[in-house]
Structures are given as structure tokens and as C-alpha cells.
């Protein structure tokens, strides 16, 4: 029987050097406790979304995509250190659907671009603009409402509840209670339970999960020392107030909150309201489309004509009439048409045209471009369109390593531009194909055994 409790406040290892929950580990814990879903609410960050989505779906679990946002007490542009709360109050946001996911993306992107002050911060103006599809939880004692209660300012807590209800809607706002053995939490909980009755708002019980098991608390403390550059033997080093920040069982949560059992079962209700479905290639193609303005030809024929011009430049022969070619030249044209057939069948003609276009622009404006590397160097079409400068036939390079007709996955050209001027190429692509067609990505470094011992 599926669990009545679902973790809705949880930090994965994408809360860098703060959360220690691996995605695979979460799957095992969820299966152990018969939880049909788990939420991911990393600190001001959503980098684990795709890994969690794929891994959970593969194991028939519902990934609840969320974030623990930082909300500026004034505006996201305010960086006045005189305000003790200027780094932001906590607020948990969960996406109900793809609209909510898009709202989260806009909020967190803006938080990093314009709201960064120690932490990536949003503000209430931004929440009003991008609240569609979201469920909000009042968060830990670092949230605005619990903080007001702890300050003894119940009137402020009431005003904040009213404002949050106005922003998200009554049905999408929950008061969150926690118990990690801290007296501040117990005081906040008494106020939150009182206010929940007054405003007829539902409660949800959460545990601020930072690691999977109770016995991982010491390892997590060491990780926090790495994060803050502290030593374990320093009595002032940052540490959590106890070993209770782990993936607790439904039974443990029911025991902790036995006086308000509905706060536990409400987590299941929230989880059932959150269902996101992503579409990935080849089902969905998000590449920009190359606009053919100087011809009425289909993309494949247009790309083939560019390749025929490339044959003259690269091999010094005209490939338009295959009957007049030597055997050697026929093989080159046959390889070209073979690749074009796969590229067109996979609907990647436009991708080749776009990449060829911005590389051409880079060369015309004097931006140094690398000769090509990776599996893309195995494509003759890439060589003929000047995407790469490595002749694949001379080295017996395989096109199928780049684009395999039996296992179609998105092609990926590795292109090196001059470090100082690569921004010019990015701006060209944005200007021509639209800002919504361009994104920049990062990679993650992980702490393996040797690095951990060193730290």
C-alpha cells in the first residue's frame, strides 16, 4: 500500500556541498517506504531536474520538481547590508505541471541574473508575475511567516499569509511545519497551527532532508566544512543542530506529528496534484529553424546544393552528374547522399544549416574556429559545409558514431571558438534565431574518494 506521507522538502546533491542525497539513493529510499513520489527542492537551483525526472520515471515514481527559493524582504535589486534579512527568506515552490515548471525556470533565472546577493533572490513582484502552476509552502523557520512568529509579531505573520494567498491562490498555499528537535521549530509550529485554523489553510508536515540516513549526519557535517573552508576541530565550524535532517520514514513522521495527523496525509494530496511530463528529442525538437530565403527548395535539397559546392572546394570536382564521375569520386558522392538521407530522415537538416551558418559568420568576422573534434568529425556533410575541417574519408571515420539511423539521438557538434570572442558568435545566433532558441549549459564536478580525502 502506498505511503500516506511524501517528502516535499528535500535537498539533493545539486544543492552543492549542502545536500547529500543522490538521485539513485532517493529512488531506493522511496521504494523502501512505498512512497510513490518525492519532491526535489534544492536551494535556489534546479540543476537536478532532468536527472531526477529520467531516473524516477524509469522506476515508476513521480518526480515532484520544485525549489526552495530565497525571497528578498524588499526587492531583488536591493543589496543593502543594513537589512538583516536582505539575503532572503525561504519559500518552497513546487510545480504542478509544465506551466509551473516554466514559472520556476523564469523565477530562478531572474534570481540568478538580477537578484544575486550572496543568494539568488526573487521578490514578491516577480512571484506575482510568475506564479501560474505553482504550489507554495511556507518553508522552514527561515521562511517569512515562521520568522514573524518567532519574532512575536503575529500581525505581520497574518499579513504575510494574506499576501501569499493573494499571490498563489488559497488552494495553492500551505503552511509548513517541521520538527528536528529544535525549540524554535516547536514555537513556530504552535503559531502556524493556530494561524492554519484562523485562515482555514491546510498544514503540511515536512522534514528538511539533506542526507539519506541518520548515520550520514557526520559525513554531511564534513561536507559542510568543505563548503565553508572550516576544520572539524574548529568549535565554531558551521554544523546542523542535530542528526535529524534525513529521509525519515512515514512512521517516524506520523509519530512526530501525531497531534496533527492531517499535516502528514496532506503531503500525499500535494504530491497527487504535481504531475509534470517533459518531451525529449526525437519526440520534440527544440532546435532553431533555418529560414531559406533565397530559394524555394526543400531543406534537404538546399543542404545538398551547399554540399555540391563543397565538393568543388574540398575535392575539386563537380558532383552534380554522377554518371560522369570516376569510381573514387562516385564513392564520395554516395557517402554524401547516404549521410543526407539519414540527416533528412532524422529531421536534422535545419540543424546542419544553422551550425554551418554561425561557423561561416565566425570565420567571415575573423573569429578563430577550431577544425572540429568528437564524433562530428566523422561526417562528410559536416566537412563539405565547412562545419569541420577534418577529411573523414582519409581517416576512415564513421558517420554512424555521430548520427546512427538505428538509434537516433540528437547530434552534437563540438566546436571550439576563440575564448575572447566566442561571445560574439553567441550574440549572432541570438540575434538571428531568437533568444528563446539559445541556452548555455554547464557541467558538474563531483567529489570522488581522492578529492574527499584531500579536502
Protein backbone atom coordinates (compact mmCIF):
# COMPACT_ATOMS: atom_id res chain seq x y z
CA UNK A 1 0.00 0.00 0.00
CA UNK A 2 1.36 3.39 -0.99
CA UNK A 3 2.53 5.65 1.80
CA UNK A 4 0.33 8.49 3.07
CA UNK A 5 3.42 10.63 3.60
CA UNK A 6 5.54 12.16 0.84
CA UNK A 7 8.74 14.17 1.36
CA UNK A 8 8.08 17.67 -0.01
CA UNK A 9 11.16 19.50 1.31
CA UNK A 10 14.37 17.83 0.19
CA UNK A 11 17.85 18.85 -0.94
CA UNK A 12 19.71 16.65 -3.40
CA UNK A 13 23.44 16.81 -4.10
CA UNK A 14 22.58 19.56 -6.59
CA UNK A 15 22.37 21.83 -3.54
CA UNK A 16 26.13 21.93 -3.95
CA UNK A 17 28.13 20.99 -0.84
CA UNK A 18 24.95 21.28 1.21
CA UNK A 19 22.63 18.45 0.17
CA UNK A 20 23.96 14.90 0.15
CA UNK A 21 21.01 12.97 -1.35
CA UNK A 22 21.88 11.27 -4.61
CA UNK A 23 19.07 10.72 -7.10
CA UNK A 24 19.67 6.96 -7.14
CA UNK A 25 19.65 6.91 -3.36
CA UNK A 26 16.30 8.70 -3.29
CA UNK A 27 14.81 6.05 -5.56
CA UNK A 28 15.90 3.30 -3.16
CA UNK A 29 14.53 5.15 -0.13
CA UNK A 30 11.21 5.88 -1.84
CA UNK A 31 10.85 2.23 -2.84
CA UNK A 32 11.76 1.08 0.68
CA UNK A 33 8.98 3.19 2.19
CA UNK A 34 6.44 2.70 -0.64
CA UNK A 35 6.44 6.40 -1.45
CA UNK A 36 5.01 6.94 -4.96
CA UNK A 37 6.66 10.38 -5.22
CA UNK A 38 9.40 12.59 -3.77
CA UNK A 39 10.00 16.32 -4.18
CA UNK A 40 13.29 17.96 -5.08
CA UNK A 41 13.61 21.46 -3.57
CA UNK A 42 17.24 22.49 -3.91
CA UNK A 43 18.41 25.89 -2.69
CA UNK A 44 17.73 28.49 -5.42
CA UNK A 45 18.67 25.97 -8.09
CA UNK A 46 17.06 23.39 -10.39
CA UNK A 47 20.09 21.69 -11.92
CA UNK A 48 18.97 18.18 -10.95
CA UNK A 49 15.61 18.33 -12.72
CA UNK A 50 16.35 16.20 -15.77
CA UNK A 51 18.37 13.54 -13.94
CA UNK A 52 15.63 13.18 -11.35
CA UNK A 53 12.88 13.10 -13.98
CA UNK A 54 14.51 10.36 -16.05
CA UNK A 55 15.58 8.25 -13.06
CA UNK A 56 12.24 8.48 -11.26
CA UNK A 57 10.15 7.80 -14.37
CA UNK A 58 12.30 4.75 -15.15
CA UNK A 59 11.44 3.42 -11.68
CA UNK A 60 7.71 4.25 -11.90
CA UNK A 61 7.97 7.08 -9.37
CA UNK A 62 6.59 10.61 -9.66
CA UNK A 63 9.31 13.28 -9.57
CA UNK A 64 7.98 16.47 -7.98
CA UNK A 65 10.07 19.31 -9.39
CA UNK A 66 10.48 22.25 -7.06
CA UNK A 67 12.88 24.71 -5.50
CA UNK A 68 13.49 26.37 -2.15
CA UNK A 69 13.62 29.97 -3.28
CA UNK A 70 15.07 32.99 -1.49
CA UNK A 71 12.62 35.90 -1.27
CA UNK A 72 14.05 39.37 -0.72
CA UNK A 73 12.26 41.32 2.05
CA UNK A 74 12.29 44.36 -0.25
CA UNK A 75 13.17 43.87 -3.93
CA UNK A 76 15.53 41.52 -5.73
CA UNK A 77 17.64 44.55 -6.71
CA UNK A 78 18.17 45.69 -3.09
CA UNK A 79 21.63 44.85 -1.76
CA UNK A 80 21.63 46.96 1.38
CA UNK A 81 23.62 45.03 4.03
CA UNK A 82 21.96 47.04 6.80
CA UNK A 83 18.84 44.88 6.38
CA UNK A 84 19.47 41.69 8.42
CA UNK A 85 17.18 39.65 6.13
CA UNK A 86 18.48 41.02 2.82
CA UNK A 87 19.80 37.61 1.75
CA UNK A 88 16.21 36.43 1.55
CA UNK A 89 13.54 34.44 3.35
CA UNK A 90 12.97 30.82 2.33
CA UNK A 91 9.90 29.76 0.33
CA UNK A 92 9.27 26.27 -1.09
CA UNK A 93 7.79 26.24 -4.60
CA UNK A 94 6.51 23.07 -6.30
CA UNK A 95 5.49 22.77 -9.96
CA UNK A 96 2.04 21.27 -10.51
CA UNK A 97 2.52 20.93 -14.26
CA UNK A 98 4.61 22.12 -17.19
CA UNK A 99 3.26 25.66 -16.70
CA UNK A 100 4.55 25.60 -13.14
CA UNK A 101 7.91 24.32 -14.35
CA UNK A 102 8.15 27.23 -16.78
CA UNK A 103 7.24 29.63 -13.95
CA UNK A 104 10.01 28.16 -11.82
CA UNK A 105 12.53 28.48 -14.64
CA UNK A 106 11.69 32.16 -15.10
CA UNK A 107 11.84 32.86 -11.37
CA UNK A 108 15.15 31.12 -10.76
CA UNK A 109 16.78 32.53 -13.91
CA UNK A 110 15.86 36.08 -12.92
CA UNK A 111 17.01 35.38 -9.36
CA UNK A 112 20.48 34.49 -10.64
CA UNK A 113 20.72 37.27 -13.24
CA UNK A 114 19.40 40.25 -11.27
CA UNK A 115 18.63 39.04 -7.76
CA UNK A 116 22.01 37.65 -6.75
CA UNK A 117 23.29 38.94 -3.42
CA UNK A 118 25.02 36.06 -1.62
CA UNK A 119 21.97 34.04 -2.71
CA UNK A 120 19.85 34.10 -5.89
CA UNK A 121 16.77 36.04 -4.75
CA UNK A 122 13.30 36.65 -6.11
CA UNK A 123 10.79 39.15 -4.76
CA UNK A 124 7.02 39.36 -4.48
CA UNK A 125 6.71 41.41 -7.64
CA UNK A 126 8.37 38.57 -9.54
CA UNK A 127 6.23 35.95 -7.77
CA UNK A 128 3.13 37.82 -8.91
CA UNK A 129 4.36 37.71 -12.50
CA UNK A 130 5.30 34.02 -12.49
CA UNK A 131 3.07 32.11 -10.05
CA UNK A 132 0.97 30.13 -12.51
CA UNK A 133 1.11 26.36 -11.97
CA UNK A 134 2.88 26.61 -8.60
CA UNK A 135 2.14 25.36 -5.10
CA UNK A 136 3.88 27.28 -2.30
CA UNK A 137 4.85 26.03 1.17
CA UNK A 138 5.81 28.49 3.92
CA UNK A 139 9.18 26.73 4.41
CA UNK A 140 11.36 26.24 7.48
CA UNK A 141 11.98 28.73 10.31
CA UNK A 142 13.92 30.70 7.69
CA UNK A 143 10.61 31.47 5.97
CA UNK A 144 8.95 34.85 6.30
CA UNK A 145 5.88 33.64 8.20
CA UNK A 146 7.70 31.40 10.75
CA UNK A 147 10.26 34.19 11.24
CA UNK A 148 7.50 36.66 12.09
CA UNK A 149 6.01 34.20 14.58
CA UNK A 150 9.40 33.71 16.26
CA UNK A 151 9.77 37.49 16.50
CA UNK A 152 6.46 37.59 18.30
CA UNK A 153 4.85 39.56 15.50
CA UNK A 154 1.66 37.64 14.76
CA UNK A 155 0.13 40.60 12.93
CA UNK A 156 2.99 40.53 10.43
CA UNK A 157 2.56 36.76 10.08
CA UNK A 158 -1.12 37.31 9.29
CA UNK A 159 -0.31 39.97 6.68
CA UNK A 160 2.23 37.67 5.05
CA UNK A 161 -0.25 34.81 4.93
CA UNK A 162 -2.79 37.11 3.27
CA UNK A 163 -0.24 38.26 0.72
CA UNK A 164 0.89 34.71 -0.10
CA UNK A 165 -2.73 33.59 -0.51
CA UNK A 166 -3.32 36.54 -2.83
CA UNK A 167 -0.26 35.68 -4.94
CA UNK A 168 -0.68 31.90 -5.25
CA UNK A 169 -4.39 31.44 -4.53
CA UNK A 170 -5.88 29.88 -1.39
CA UNK A 171 -5.79 26.37 -2.86
CA UNK A 172 -2.10 26.62 -3.71
CA UNK A 173 -0.68 27.79 -0.38
CA UNK A 174 0.17 25.51 2.55
CA UNK A 175 1.61 26.26 5.98
CA UNK A 176 4.63 24.03 6.60
CA UNK A 177 5.56 22.57 10.00
CA UNK A 178 8.84 20.85 10.91
CA UNK A 179 10.32 19.14 13.96
CA UNK A 180 14.04 18.39 14.10
CA UNK A 181 14.13 18.67 17.89
CA UNK A 182 14.65 22.45 17.86
CA UNK A 183 12.76 24.65 20.32
CA UNK A 184 12.41 27.39 17.67
CA UNK A 185 10.54 24.98 15.44
CA UNK A 186 8.16 23.97 18.21
CA UNK A 187 7.38 27.63 18.91
CA UNK A 188 6.86 28.34 15.23
CA UNK A 189 4.65 25.24 14.86
CA UNK A 190 2.30 26.40 17.63
CA UNK A 191 1.81 29.69 15.82
CA UNK A 192 1.43 28.02 12.42
CA UNK A 193 -1.20 25.59 13.70
CA UNK A 194 -3.12 28.48 15.25
CA UNK A 195 -2.94 30.50 12.04
CA UNK A 196 -3.95 27.49 9.91
CA UNK A 197 -7.19 27.27 11.89
CA UNK A 198 -7.76 31.02 11.71
CA UNK A 199 -7.29 31.21 7.92
CA UNK A 200 -8.68 27.71 7.23
CA UNK A 201 -5.44 26.79 5.48
CA UNK A 202 -4.04 23.25 5.22
CA UNK A 203 -0.88 22.21 7.04
CA UNK A 204 1.87 20.01 5.61
CA UNK A 205 4.49 18.24 7.72
CA UNK A 206 7.96 18.11 6.22
CA UNK A 207 11.45 17.12 7.17
CA UNK A 208 14.28 19.30 5.88
CA UNK A 209 16.06 16.39 4.20
CA UNK A 210 19.77 16.94 3.48
CA UNK A 211 21.03 13.34 3.62
CA UNK A 212 19.51 9.89 3.24
CA UNK A 213 20.11 8.16 6.57
CA UNK A 214 20.60 9.28 10.15
CA UNK A 215 24.06 7.76 10.27
CA UNK A 216 25.09 10.03 7.37
CA UNK A 217 24.94 13.11 9.64
CA UNK A 218 28.69 13.10 10.37
CA UNK A 219 29.63 12.77 6.70
CA UNK A 220 27.27 15.65 5.96
CA UNK A 221 28.97 17.75 8.64
CA UNK A 222 32.32 17.09 6.97
CA UNK A 223 30.84 18.17 3.63
CA UNK A 224 29.66 21.44 5.20
CA UNK A 225 33.22 22.01 6.44
CA UNK A 226 34.49 21.57 2.86
CA UNK A 227 31.83 24.06 1.74
CA UNK A 228 32.80 26.70 4.32
CA UNK A 229 36.56 26.03 4.34
CA UNK A 230 36.43 25.08 8.02
CA UNK A 231 38.05 22.35 10.08
CA UNK A 232 36.10 19.82 12.11
CA UNK A 233 38.17 20.61 15.19
CA UNK A 234 37.20 24.29 14.98
CA UNK A 235 34.48 24.71 17.64
CA UNK A 236 32.95 27.50 15.56
CA UNK A 237 32.55 25.47 12.35
CA UNK A 238 29.09 25.50 10.78
CA UNK A 239 27.02 22.42 11.54
CA UNK A 240 23.36 21.46 11.67
CA UNK A 241 21.81 21.41 15.17
CA UNK A 242 21.33 17.64 15.22
CA UNK A 243 21.23 14.41 13.19
CA UNK A 244 17.55 14.67 12.26
CA UNK A 245 17.83 16.07 8.73
CA UNK A 246 17.48 12.73 6.98
CA UNK A 247 14.92 10.88 4.83
CA UNK A 248 12.56 9.86 7.62
CA UNK A 249 10.07 7.04 7.27
CA UNK A 250 6.30 7.68 7.16
CA UNK A 251 6.03 6.07 10.60
CA UNK A 252 8.60 8.47 12.06
CA UNK A 253 6.74 11.45 10.58
CA UNK A 254 3.36 10.21 11.85
CA UNK A 255 4.83 9.86 15.34
CA UNK A 256 6.37 13.33 15.25
CA UNK A 257 3.10 14.96 14.17
CA UNK A 258 0.54 12.68 15.83
CA UNK A 259 -1.29 15.74 17.21
CA UNK A 260 -1.95 17.00 13.66
CA UNK A 261 -2.19 13.81 11.54
CA UNK A 262 -3.76 15.72 8.65
CA UNK A 263 -0.44 17.55 8.16
CA UNK A 264 1.12 14.20 7.27
CA UNK A 265 -1.61 12.97 4.93
CA UNK A 266 -1.86 16.37 3.23
CA UNK A 267 1.59 15.72 1.75
CA UNK A 268 0.07 12.92 -0.33
CA UNK A 269 -2.62 15.33 -1.53
CA UNK A 270 0.03 17.83 -2.63
CA UNK A 271 2.03 15.10 -4.39
CA UNK A 272 -1.01 13.94 -6.34
CA UNK A 273 -1.51 17.48 -7.62
CA UNK A 274 2.02 17.60 -9.05
CA UNK A 275 2.45 15.86 -12.39
CA UNK A 276 4.98 17.04 -14.96
CA UNK A 277 5.58 15.49 -18.35
CA UNK A 278 8.55 16.52 -20.47
CA UNK A 279 9.03 15.80 -24.16
CA UNK A 280 12.51 14.99 -25.42
CA UNK A 281 14.00 14.51 -28.89
CA UNK A 282 13.12 12.89 -31.22
CA UNK A 283 9.54 13.32 -29.92
CA UNK A 284 10.14 17.04 -29.53
CA UNK A 285 12.73 19.04 -31.48
CA UNK A 286 13.73 22.31 -29.85
CA UNK A 287 16.39 23.34 -32.36
CA UNK A 288 16.03 26.70 -34.10
CA UNK A 289 14.76 26.51 -37.69
CA UNK A 290 16.93 27.72 -40.56
CA UNK A 291 14.96 30.05 -42.80
CA UNK A 292 15.67 29.55 -46.52
CA UNK A 293 15.09 32.99 -48.02
CA UNK A 294 16.90 32.72 -51.37
CA UNK A 295 15.26 29.56 -52.71
CA UNK A 296 12.04 27.52 -52.70
CA UNK A 297 13.95 24.26 -52.33
CA UNK A 298 13.20 21.81 -49.50
CA UNK A 299 15.81 21.75 -46.71
CA UNK A 300 17.43 18.51 -47.94
CA UNK A 301 17.94 19.79 -51.49
CA UNK A 302 19.17 23.15 -50.22
CA UNK A 303 21.69 21.40 -47.96
CA UNK A 304 22.70 19.10 -50.82
CA UNK A 305 23.43 22.08 -53.06
CA UNK A 306 25.72 23.51 -50.39
CA UNK A 307 27.45 20.11 -50.24
CA UNK A 308 27.89 20.09 -54.02
CA UNK A 309 29.62 23.47 -53.75
CA UNK A 310 31.72 21.93 -51.01
CA UNK A 311 32.79 19.10 -53.32
CA UNK A 312 34.30 21.66 -55.70
CA UNK A 313 36.14 23.42 -52.87
CA UNK A 314 37.26 20.35 -50.95
CA UNK A 315 37.85 17.77 -53.73
CA UNK A 316 37.97 19.90 -56.88
CA UNK A 317 35.26 18.09 -58.88
CA UNK A 318 31.63 18.69 -59.88
CA UNK A 319 29.36 16.08 -58.30
CA UNK A 320 26.10 17.17 -59.95
CA UNK A 321 26.26 14.44 -62.65
CA UNK A 322 27.31 11.18 -61.01
CA UNK A 323 27.38 9.34 -64.35
CA UNK A 324 30.46 11.27 -65.46
CA UNK A 325 32.47 10.66 -62.28
CA UNK A 326 35.36 8.37 -61.58
CA UNK A 327 34.86 5.46 -59.18
CA UNK A 328 36.71 7.35 -56.45
CA UNK A 329 34.51 10.42 -56.85
CA UNK A 330 31.35 8.29 -57.06
CA UNK A 331 32.13 6.84 -53.61
CA UNK A 332 32.43 10.35 -52.18
CA UNK A 333 29.04 11.40 -53.63
CA UNK A 334 27.43 8.14 -52.48
CA UNK A 335 28.73 8.73 -48.94
CA UNK A 336 27.42 12.29 -49.11
CA UNK A 337 23.93 11.19 -50.22
CA UNK A 338 23.89 8.36 -47.65
CA UNK A 339 24.53 10.87 -44.87
CA UNK A 340 22.00 13.36 -46.27
CA UNK A 341 19.34 10.63 -46.30
CA UNK A 342 19.89 9.89 -42.60
CA UNK A 343 20.10 13.58 -41.68
CA UNK A 344 16.86 14.34 -43.52
CA UNK A 345 15.11 11.24 -42.15
CA UNK A 346 16.07 12.30 -38.63
CA UNK A 347 14.87 15.88 -39.34
CA UNK A 348 18.28 17.44 -38.67
CA UNK A 349 18.84 19.27 -41.98
CA UNK A 350 17.99 22.58 -40.34
CA UNK A 351 20.44 21.85 -37.52
CA UNK A 352 23.30 21.38 -40.02
CA UNK A 353 22.32 24.58 -41.82
CA UNK A 354 22.23 26.59 -38.59
CA UNK A 355 25.61 25.31 -37.37
CA UNK A 356 27.16 25.87 -40.79
CA UNK A 357 25.73 29.41 -40.81
CA UNK A 358 27.17 30.59 -37.49
CA UNK A 359 30.55 28.99 -38.20
CA UNK A 360 30.62 30.78 -41.56
CA UNK A 361 29.79 34.05 -39.78
CA UNK A 362 32.58 33.47 -37.25
CA UNK A 363 35.16 32.92 -39.99
CA UNK A 364 33.95 35.92 -42.01
CA UNK A 365 34.32 38.19 -38.97
CA UNK A 366 37.75 36.85 -38.06
CA UNK A 367 36.79 34.78 -35.02
CA UNK A 368 39.22 31.80 -34.82
CA UNK A 369 37.39 28.46 -35.16
CA UNK A 370 38.78 25.02 -34.35
CA UNK A 371 38.97 22.28 -37.02
CA UNK A 372 36.40 20.10 -35.26
CA UNK A 373 36.60 17.23 -32.80
CA UNK A 374 34.49 14.43 -31.43
CA UNK A 375 32.11 12.22 -33.40
CA UNK A 376 31.03 15.13 -35.65
CA UNK A 377 34.39 14.88 -37.43
CA UNK A 378 33.12 11.61 -38.93
CA UNK A 379 30.53 13.39 -41.05
CA UNK A 380 31.34 14.13 -44.68
CA UNK A 381 28.39 16.55 -44.86
CA UNK A 382 29.92 18.48 -41.96
CA UNK A 383 33.23 18.62 -43.85
CA UNK A 384 31.55 19.78 -47.09
CA UNK A 385 29.56 22.51 -45.29
CA UNK A 386 32.72 23.74 -43.50
CA UNK A 387 31.45 22.80 -40.06
CA UNK A 388 34.63 20.72 -39.69
CA UNK A 389 37.98 20.84 -41.46
CA UNK A 390 38.91 17.19 -41.00
CA UNK A 391 38.52 14.97 -44.06
CA UNK A 392 36.68 11.89 -42.64
CA UNK A 393 37.29 9.51 -45.56
CA UNK A 394 41.06 9.80 -45.31
CA UNK A 395 40.91 8.52 -41.73
CA UNK A 396 38.06 6.00 -42.22
CA UNK A 397 35.89 7.89 -39.70
CA UNK A 398 32.37 6.56 -39.16
CA UNK A 399 29.34 8.80 -39.67
CA UNK A 400 27.25 6.41 -37.53
CA UNK A 401 29.15 7.43 -34.39
CA UNK A 402 27.66 10.87 -34.92
CA UNK A 403 24.14 10.00 -36.14
CA UNK A 404 23.03 6.39 -36.10
CA UNK A 405 19.94 5.50 -38.19
CA UNK A 406 19.15 2.58 -35.85
CA UNK A 407 19.41 4.64 -32.67
CA UNK A 408 18.50 8.24 -33.46
CA UNK A 409 19.80 10.57 -30.77
CA UNK A 410 20.36 14.31 -31.13
CA UNK A 411 23.61 15.12 -32.96
CA UNK A 412 26.14 17.21 -31.10
CA UNK A 413 28.91 19.20 -32.77
CA UNK A 414 31.86 20.06 -30.54
CA UNK A 415 33.07 23.42 -31.84
CA UNK A 416 35.91 25.49 -30.42
CA UNK A 417 35.79 29.27 -30.77
CA UNK A 418 38.33 31.79 -29.61
CA UNK A 419 37.87 32.24 -25.87
CA UNK A 420 37.96 36.03 -26.11
CA UNK A 421 35.49 36.36 -28.99
CA UNK A 422 33.12 33.41 -28.58
CA UNK A 423 30.56 35.82 -27.08
CA UNK A 424 30.28 37.50 -30.49
CA UNK A 425 29.20 34.21 -32.05
CA UNK A 426 26.65 33.58 -29.30
CA UNK A 427 25.19 37.06 -29.83
CA UNK A 428 24.99 36.43 -33.59
CA UNK A 429 22.98 33.25 -33.02
CA UNK A 430 20.71 35.01 -30.53
CA UNK A 431 20.14 37.90 -32.91
CA UNK A 432 19.37 35.72 -35.92
CA UNK A 433 17.49 32.79 -34.38
CA UNK A 434 15.98 34.40 -31.27
CA UNK A 435 16.90 34.49 -27.60
CA UNK A 436 14.46 31.66 -26.90
CA UNK A 437 16.46 29.37 -29.21
CA UNK A 438 19.76 29.77 -27.35
CA UNK A 439 20.76 28.49 -23.94
CA UNK A 440 24.07 27.96 -22.21
CA UNK A 441 24.86 24.88 -20.18
CA UNK A 442 27.33 23.86 -17.50
CA UNK A 443 28.83 20.66 -16.19
CA UNK A 444 29.26 19.43 -12.64
CA UNK A 445 32.41 18.39 -10.85
CA UNK A 446 31.87 15.68 -8.25
CA UNK A 447 33.82 14.80 -5.14
CA UNK A 448 35.30 11.36 -5.69
CA UNK A 449 37.17 9.49 -2.97
CA UNK A 450 40.59 11.02 -3.64
CA UNK A 451 39.24 14.60 -3.67
CA UNK A 452 37.28 14.00 -0.47
CA UNK A 453 40.33 12.67 1.36
CA UNK A 454 42.35 15.62 0.15
CA UNK A 455 39.73 18.12 1.34
